[in-house]
């Protein structure tokens, strides 16, 4: 399990998922990452910083956005 910093690219309020770019990765983007439902939709704007918890570093389907910061 690991916690990584990322930047929000886009947010889907219907599915409550995000597309994001993990800090330190040059050009890779992750899509359809689950966002914790306790995070308000109004805070999920492109460019915001995210904390992403990876339960399995090699399987992005098992990741969740757990925090938003400026």
Protein backbone atom coordinates (compact mmCIF):
# COMPACT_ATOMS: atom_id res chain seq x y z
CA UNK A 1 0.00 0.00 0.00
CA UNK A 2 1.30 3.48 -0.84
CA UNK A 3 0.13 7.08 -0.85
CA UNK A 4 1.06 9.28 -3.82
CA UNK A 5 0.59 12.89 -4.83
CA UNK A 6 -1.26 13.60 -8.09
CA UNK A 7 -2.89 16.42 -10.07
CA UNK A 8 -6.54 16.28 -11.09
CA UNK A 9 -7.12 16.31 -14.85
CA UNK A 10 -10.90 15.79 -14.85
CA UNK A 11 -13.71 14.61 -12.60
CA UNK A 12 -16.87 12.65 -13.49
CA UNK A 13 -19.56 13.56 -10.91
CA UNK A 14 -21.94 10.81 -12.06
CA UNK A 15 -19.49 7.91 -11.61
CA UNK A 16 -17.48 9.81 -8.95
CA UNK A 17 -14.23 8.96 -10.69
CA UNK A 18 -11.23 11.03 -11.75
CA UNK A 19 -8.54 11.22 -14.39
CA UNK A 20 -5.25 12.24 -12.88
CA UNK A 21 -1.51 12.55 -13.38
CA UNK A 22 0.68 11.04 -10.69
CA UNK A 23 3.56 13.31 -9.62
CA UNK A 24 6.91 12.10 -10.84
CA UNK A 25 5.52 10.25 -13.85
CA UNK A 26 6.41 12.08 -17.03
CA UNK A 27 3.44 11.50 -19.32
CA UNK A 28 1.24 8.79 -17.86
CA UNK A 29 -2.34 9.54 -16.90
CA UNK A 30 -4.68 7.32 -14.93
CA UNK A 31 -8.37 7.26 -15.75
CA UNK A 32 -11.50 6.09 -13.92
CA UNK A 33 -9.89 6.24 -10.49
CA UNK A 34 -12.46 6.03 -7.69
CA UNK A 35 -12.92 9.19 -5.61
CA UNK A 36 -13.93 8.95 -1.94
CA UNK A 37 -17.56 10.08 -1.59
CA UNK A 38 -16.73 12.29 1.41
CA UNK A 39 -14.85 14.70 -0.89
CA UNK A 40 -17.16 17.52 -2.05
CA UNK A 41 -17.71 17.80 -5.78
CA UNK A 42 -17.05 21.55 -5.58
CA UNK A 43 -13.43 20.86 -4.53
CA UNK A 44 -12.70 18.55 -7.47
CA UNK A 45 -11.62 21.08 -10.08
CA UNK A 46 -8.88 20.48 -12.66
CA UNK A 47 -5.40 21.34 -11.43
CA UNK A 48 -6.06 20.63 -7.75
CA UNK A 49 -3.63 18.45 -5.85
CA UNK A 50 -4.76 14.99 -4.82
CA UNK A 51 -3.62 12.32 -2.39
CA UNK A 52 -4.17 8.90 -3.94
CA UNK A 53 -4.01 5.66 -1.99
CA UNK A 54 -2.79 2.68 -4.02
CA UNK A 55 -3.66 -0.68 -2.46
CA UNK A 56 -1.67 -2.36 -5.24
CA UNK A 57 0.90 -0.14 -7.00
CA UNK A 58 0.69 -2.22 -10.17
CA UNK A 59 -3.13 -2.14 -10.44
CA UNK A 60 -4.64 1.37 -10.72
CA UNK A 61 -8.13 -0.14 -10.49
CA UNK A 62 -7.38 -0.63 -6.79
CA UNK A 63 -6.63 3.05 -6.12
CA UNK A 64 -8.79 5.70 -4.48
CA UNK A 65 -8.51 9.50 -4.21
CA UNK A 66 -8.61 10.21 -0.46
CA UNK A 67 -7.84 13.95 -0.22
CA UNK A 68 -7.83 17.20 -2.18
CA UNK A 69 -5.48 20.12 -1.51
CA UNK A 70 -4.57 23.46 -3.09
